[in-house]
Protein backbone atom coordinates (compact mmCIF):
# COMPACT_ATOMS: atom_id res chain seq x y z
CA UNK A 1 117.82 133.22 97.02
CA UNK A 2 116.21 133.74 99.86
CA UNK A 3 116.74 131.72 103.22
CA UNK A 4 114.48 130.66 106.05
CA UNK A 5 115.00 129.24 109.65
CA UNK A 6 114.02 125.44 110.23
CA UNK A 7 113.72 124.32 113.42
CA UNK A 8 113.68 120.85 114.43
CA UNK A 9 113.44 119.08 118.74
CA UNK A 10 113.29 115.90 120.19
CA UNK A 11 110.98 115.54 123.37
CA UNK A 12 110.35 113.02 125.79
CA UNK A 13 106.94 113.67 126.95
CA UNK A 14 107.57 111.15 130.16
CA UNK A 15 105.02 108.45 130.00
CA UNK A 16 102.26 111.00 128.35
CA UNK A 17 98.86 109.13 129.39
CA UNK A 18 97.70 106.33 131.97
CA UNK A 19 99.47 102.61 131.64
CA UNK A 20 96.57 100.19 132.38
CA UNK A 21 98.57 99.45 135.48
CA UNK A 22 98.93 102.73 137.29
CA UNK A 23 95.11 103.74 136.36
CA UNK A 24 93.66 104.91 139.48
CA UNK A 25 92.11 108.12 139.99
CA UNK A 26 95.00 109.89 141.18
CA UNK A 27 96.96 109.39 138.05
CA UNK A 28 94.51 110.46 135.92
CA UNK A 29 93.83 113.59 137.86
CA UNK A 30 97.47 114.31 136.82
CA UNK A 31 97.10 114.10 133.38
CA UNK A 32 95.66 117.79 132.34
CA UNK A 33 98.91 119.36 134.80
CA UNK A 34 101.00 117.30 132.63
CA UNK A 35 99.29 118.31 129.30
CA UNK A 36 99.78 122.10 130.26
CA UNK A 37 103.30 121.58 130.96
CA UNK A 38 104.24 119.84 128.01
CA UNK A 39 102.07 122.67 125.56
CA UNK A 40 103.97 125.52 127.48
CA UNK A 41 107.82 123.72 126.67
CA UNK A 42 106.34 123.07 122.76
CA UNK A 43 105.49 126.84 122.65
CA UNK A 44 108.70 128.24 123.93
CA UNK A 45 110.49 125.70 121.15
CA UNK A 46 108.57 126.85 118.33
CA UNK A 47 110.17 124.44 116.22
CA UNK A 48 108.47 123.24 113.01
CA UNK A 49 108.81 119.50 113.78
CA UNK A 50 108.95 117.55 117.19
CA UNK A 51 110.04 113.94 117.80
CA UNK A 52 108.89 112.46 120.59
CA UNK A 53 108.87 109.67 122.69
CA UNK A 54 107.19 108.16 125.94
CA UNK A 55 103.75 108.56 124.42
CA UNK A 56 101.54 106.21 126.49
CA UNK A 57 97.66 107.15 125.15
CA UNK A 58 97.27 108.85 121.14
CA UNK A 59 94.08 109.83 122.12
CA UNK A 60 95.93 112.56 124.38
CA UNK A 61 97.83 114.09 121.16
CA UNK A 62 94.71 116.09 119.90
CA UNK A 63 94.56 117.98 123.64
CA UNK A 64 98.81 118.09 123.71
CA UNK A 65 98.40 119.62 120.14
CA UNK A 66 95.36 121.92 120.21
CA UNK A 67 95.56 125.25 118.65
CA UNK A 68 99.38 125.09 118.34
CA UNK A 69 99.81 124.54 114.75
CA UNK A 70 100.72 120.67 114.28
CA UNK A 71 98.10 119.25 111.69
CA UNK A 72 100.28 116.47 110.82
CA UNK A 73 101.44 113.72 113.34
CA UNK A 74 102.86 110.45 112.31
CA UNK A 75 103.14 107.72 115.16
CA UNK A 76 105.59 104.16 114.78
CA UNK A 77 103.45 101.07 115.57
CA UNK A 78 103.52 99.23 119.17
CA UNK A 79 106.04 96.95 120.31
CA UNK A 80 105.91 94.76 122.99
CA UNK A 81 106.10 98.45 125.65
CA UNK A 82 103.29 100.68 125.98
CA UNK A 83 105.39 103.92 125.33
CA UNK A 84 105.12 104.71 121.40
CA UNK A 85 107.63 107.66 119.51
CA UNK A 86 106.27 109.99 116.39
CA UNK A 87 106.68 113.44 115.03
CA UNK A 88 104.18 116.28 114.74
CA UNK A 89 104.65 118.82 112.63
CA UNK A 90 103.87 121.89 110.66
CA UNK A 91 104.82 120.31 107.57
CA UNK A 92 103.37 117.45 105.41
CA UNK A 93 104.66 113.75 106.56
CA UNK A 94 104.85 110.90 104.38
CA UNK A 95 105.87 107.39 104.05
CA UNK A 96 105.94 107.04 107.79
CA UNK A 97 106.80 103.02 108.84
CA UNK A 98 108.31 101.52 111.72
CA UNK A 99 111.70 100.66 111.26
CA UNK A 100 114.32 98.63 113.46
CA UNK A 101 110.89 96.71 114.70
CA UNK A 102 113.12 93.37 115.66
CA UNK A 103 115.84 91.25 114.65
CA UNK A 104 117.41 88.35 113.52
CA UNK A 105 120.60 87.91 113.95
CA UNK A 106 123.61 84.70 113.87
CA UNK A 107 126.90 85.97 113.96
CA UNK A 108 130.39 84.22 114.63
CA UNK A 109 133.79 86.08 115.79
CA UNK A 110 135.94 84.55 113.41
CA UNK A 111 138.89 84.66 115.34
CA UNK A 112 137.77 83.75 118.58
CA UNK A 113 134.91 81.39 117.24
CA UNK A 114 131.93 83.03 119.57
CA UNK A 115 129.05 82.42 118.50
CA UNK A 116 126.02 85.34 118.85
CA UNK A 117 122.64 85.00 118.53
CA UNK A 118 119.72 87.59 118.56
CA UNK A 119 116.23 87.31 117.70
CA UNK A 120 112.58 88.78 118.70
CA UNK A 121 111.22 92.12 118.97
CA UNK A 122 112.46 95.47 120.09
CA UNK A 123 110.32 96.98 122.92
CA UNK A 124 110.15 100.05 121.30
CA UNK A 125 110.44 99.85 117.07
CA UNK A 126 111.78 103.38 116.05
CA UNK A 127 110.02 105.91 113.02
CA UNK A 128 111.15 106.94 110.02
CA UNK A 129 109.17 109.32 107.98
CA UNK A 130 109.79 112.04 105.10
CA UNK A 131 109.26 115.12 106.63
CA UNK A 132 108.13 117.30 103.57
CA UNK A 133 109.84 120.71 104.39
CA UNK A 134 108.88 122.37 101.10
CA UNK A 135 111.82 122.41 98.62
CA UNK A 136 113.60 120.66 101.00
CA UNK A 137 112.60 117.14 101.77
CA UNK A 138 114.44 115.49 105.03
CA UNK A 139 114.05 112.05 106.25
CA UNK A 140 113.51 111.29 109.93
CA UNK A 141 114.73 108.06 111.98
CA UNK A 142 112.69 108.68 115.46
CA UNK A 143 114.17 106.58 118.50
CA UNK A 144 113.57 105.66 121.69
CA UNK A 145 115.91 102.96 123.18
CA UNK A 146 115.45 101.02 126.09
CA UNK A 147 116.73 102.20 129.08
CA UNK A 148 119.97 100.49 131.23
CA UNK A 149 117.73 99.02 133.42
CA UNK A 150 118.58 95.01 133.37
CA UNK A 151 116.32 93.09 131.34
CA UNK A 152 113.91 90.73 133.68
CA UNK A 153 115.94 87.22 132.45
CA UNK A 154 115.00 85.59 135.64
CA UNK A 155 112.00 85.26 138.83
CA UNK A 156 112.48 88.36 140.59
CA UNK A 157 112.41 87.48 144.55
CA UNK A 158 115.34 88.95 145.80
CA UNK A 159 117.16 88.64 150.02
CA UNK A 160 115.46 92.12 151.03
CA UNK A 161 112.37 93.85 150.78
CA UNK A 162 113.18 96.12 148.33
CA UNK A 163 116.10 93.69 146.47
CA UNK A 164 114.75 92.36 143.02
CA UNK A 165 117.53 90.14 142.07
CA UNK A 166 118.90 86.88 143.88
CA UNK A 167 122.69 87.92 143.29
CA UNK A 168 124.36 90.68 141.22
CA UNK A 169 126.24 87.78 138.92
CA UNK A 170 122.00 87.08 138.16
CA UNK A 171 121.51 91.37 137.47
CA UNK A 172 124.60 91.27 134.97
CA UNK A 173 123.14 88.98 133.38
CA UNK A 174 120.06 90.73 132.93
CA UNK A 175 122.49 93.71 132.00
CA UNK A 176 124.20 91.56 128.94
CA UNK A 177 120.83 90.96 128.19
CA UNK A 178 119.27 94.75 127.90
CA UNK A 179 122.76 96.17 126.49
CA UNK A 180 122.30 93.13 123.71
CA UNK A 181 118.96 94.68 122.84
CA UNK A 182 119.92 98.22 122.78
CA UNK A 183 123.27 97.60 120.30
CA UNK A 184 121.05 95.58 118.43
CA UNK A 185 118.58 97.78 117.39
CA UNK A 186 121.74 100.46 117.28
CA UNK A 187 122.98 97.87 114.40
CA UNK A 188 118.94 98.10 112.32
CA UNK A 189 118.80 101.69 112.79
CA UNK A 190 122.44 102.48 111.35
CA UNK A 191 121.56 99.80 108.59
CA UNK A 192 118.61 101.81 107.65
CA UNK A 193 120.72 105.12 107.64
CA UNK A 194 123.22 102.74 105.35
CA UNK A 195 120.57 102.16 103.25
CA UNK A 196 119.63 105.94 102.82
CA UNK A 197 122.81 107.27 102.04
CA UNK A 198 123.75 104.39 99.67
CA UNK A 199 121.08 105.05 97.40
CA UNK A 200 121.85 108.76 97.40
CA UNK A 201 124.76 110.02 99.59
CA UNK A 202 123.57 113.68 99.53
CA UNK A 203 120.23 112.77 101.46
CA UNK A 204 119.29 114.25 103.83
CA UNK A 205 118.83 112.35 107.56
CA UNK A 206 118.33 112.83 110.96
CA UNK A 207 118.74 110.53 113.30
CA UNK A 208 116.79 111.88 116.62
CA UNK A 209 115.17 110.95 119.93
CA UNK A 210 116.01 109.73 123.35
CA UNK A 211 118.74 107.42 122.97
CA UNK A 212 119.35 106.82 127.24
CA UNK A 213 122.76 107.12 126.49
CA UNK A 214 125.60 109.55 125.70
CA UNK A 215 127.33 110.17 122.73
CA UNK A 216 130.69 107.77 123.74
CA UNK A 217 128.57 105.11 124.10
CA UNK A 218 129.00 101.96 122.13
CA UNK A 219 125.26 102.35 120.64
CA UNK A 220 125.47 106.16 119.74
CA UNK A 221 129.33 105.44 117.92
CA UNK A 222 127.15 102.42 115.74
CA UNK A 223 124.46 104.93 114.95
CA UNK A 224 126.62 108.40 113.92
CA UNK A 225 129.86 106.17 112.51
CA UNK A 226 132.89 105.50 113.72
CA UNK A 227 134.86 104.39 110.59
CA UNK A 228 138.61 105.10 111.18
CA UNK A 229 138.09 103.61 114.48
CA UNK A 230 136.52 100.40 112.23
CA UNK A 231 139.62 100.81 110.03
CA UNK A 232 137.54 102.11 107.34
CA UNK A 233 138.30 105.68 106.67
CA UNK A 234 136.77 105.41 102.83
CA UNK A 235 133.14 105.12 104.87
CA UNK A 236 133.69 108.86 106.95
CA UNK A 237 131.56 110.45 104.98
CA UNK A 238 128.30 108.18 105.92
CA UNK A 239 128.95 109.54 109.21
CA UNK A 240 126.14 111.36 111.28
CA UNK A 241 127.41 114.45 113.33
CA UNK A 242 125.79 115.54 116.65
CA UNK A 243 123.87 118.90 116.86
CA UNK A 244 124.79 119.11 120.76
CA UNK A 245 128.51 119.51 119.77
CA UNK A 246 127.17 123.28 118.92
CA UNK A 247 126.23 123.60 122.53
CA UNK A 248 128.57 124.63 125.35
CA UNK A 249 129.68 121.59 127.86
CA UNK A 250 128.28 123.09 130.85
CA UNK A 251 124.90 123.42 129.21
CA UNK A 252 125.15 119.88 127.32
CA UNK A 253 122.67 118.05 129.45
CA UNK A 254 118.98 116.78 128.82
CA UNK A 255 118.43 114.96 132.44
CA UNK A 256 119.61 114.62 136.01
CA UNK A 257 119.47 112.06 137.36
CA UNK A 258 121.30 111.02 140.85
CA UNK A 259 123.22 113.66 141.17
CA UNK A 260 124.83 113.59 137.41
CA UNK A 261 123.90 115.74 134.37
CA UNK A 262 123.41 113.62 131.57
CA UNK A 263 122.81 113.79 127.54
CA UNK A 264 120.49 111.37 126.58
CA UNK A 265 118.71 112.82 124.24
CA UNK A 266 120.64 113.72 120.46
CA UNK A 267 120.04 114.78 117.39
CA UNK A 268 122.68 113.19 114.55
CA UNK A 269 122.31 114.50 110.97
CA UNK A 270 124.15 113.38 107.89
CA UNK A 271 126.64 115.55 106.19
CA UNK A 272 124.75 117.17 103.45
CA UNK A 273 122.94 119.00 106.31
CA UNK A 274 126.36 120.52 107.68
CA UNK A 275 125.97 123.29 105.12
CA UNK A 276 122.67 124.55 106.65
CA UNK A 277 123.17 123.58 110.44
CA UNK A 278 122.76 126.86 112.07
CA UNK A 279 123.32 126.00 115.92
CA UNK A 280 121.67 124.19 118.85
CA UNK A 281 120.28 124.90 122.29
CA UNK A 282 118.83 122.61 125.16
CA UNK A 283 115.85 123.60 127.31
CA UNK A 284 117.43 122.74 130.71
CA UNK A 285 116.90 125.88 132.81
CA UNK A 286 114.40 124.38 134.97
CA UNK A 287 115.04 120.43 134.91
CA UNK A 288 114.24 118.51 137.19
CA UNK A 289 115.97 115.72 138.57
CA UNK A 290 114.59 112.12 137.17
CA UNK A 291 111.82 111.24 139.67
CA UNK A 292 113.66 109.06 142.53
CA UNK A 293 111.16 108.26 145.32
CA UNK A 294 107.55 108.15 146.17
CA UNK A 295 105.66 111.14 146.53
CA UNK A 296 106.80 113.43 144.34
CA UNK A 297 104.85 115.19 141.13
CA UNK A 298 106.74 114.00 138.60
CA UNK A 299 104.62 115.93 135.95
CA UNK A 300 104.67 120.07 137.56
CA UNK A 301 107.59 120.37 134.96
CA UNK A 302 106.63 118.55 132.10
CA UNK A 303 109.29 115.83 131.86
CA UNK A 304 112.46 114.76 133.46
CA UNK A 305 114.18 115.35 129.77
CA UNK A 306 114.70 118.22 128.47
CA UNK A 307 113.72 118.97 124.58
CA UNK A 308 116.33 120.04 121.98
CA UNK A 309 116.59 122.01 119.52
CA UNK A 310 118.43 122.31 116.39
CA UNK A 311 118.71 125.03 113.75
CA UNK A 312 118.97 125.13 109.81
CA UNK A 313 119.10 127.48 107.45
CA UNK A 314 116.94 126.16 103.99
CA UNK A 315 115.98 127.71 100.93
CA UNK A 316 112.61 130.00 101.01
CA UNK A 317 110.48 132.37 102.59
């Protein structure tokens, strides 16, 4: 049977559009340059589908994709954040819906008696959609987790001009809330994966996007699964596999922040896709450091995240 290559990517578009609180002639003047830089990166990817994050203005999808051969687009619903994620594709997309949009959970540590309750909406809902590759459908779950910046739990009126918090303890409280939100969304995404794989253990599932964290973080371990670490080895077939592991370690980064090279973007695949996996690459040769101060044009390179690409060999011509 003939085979062909299937290419799937994830790419953070870095605030494509103008936020209402940043609407100035200067910010609007950056948009054409930003679009052209992103288009260059998308052409180079030559992907059959690209999961994207940080879309502010959906009307910019038309100029972004004009002439690039992506007639199919799916968008997650907007949450409290103006940033949205989605997919554009050469193949049809169907059954698109937002998942992991919020949580209402109360749990009790059965040994210590500690009670934990969390409820409310997540900043950025994930998108679940069927990628209708002919003869080889795949379920995509596109994510964009909140960054690690402490959540605003108090009035921000610090001691110094540059301070946001009155004490580091208050800032720690904000970090606690941030981690609760990130881990809670990880649990919801993992539950979506469990539902798909329990219904069909051979389902082709990909969870991809900007996780704002590394593969060894607790959130990624929740989504990918770590059956032996939680004393449940029979669940190992439900674990997801990170495509980036096929990239040499010295090239394995999608952002540079304060001098550190970090792998924040991931493509996690179900084990039914492993026999078809043919490799991965990250386009970080010209990646610039994440914006750290004023006066730096953040759109000259398109994004402060490098795109990540996975390749598969699938039946077809």
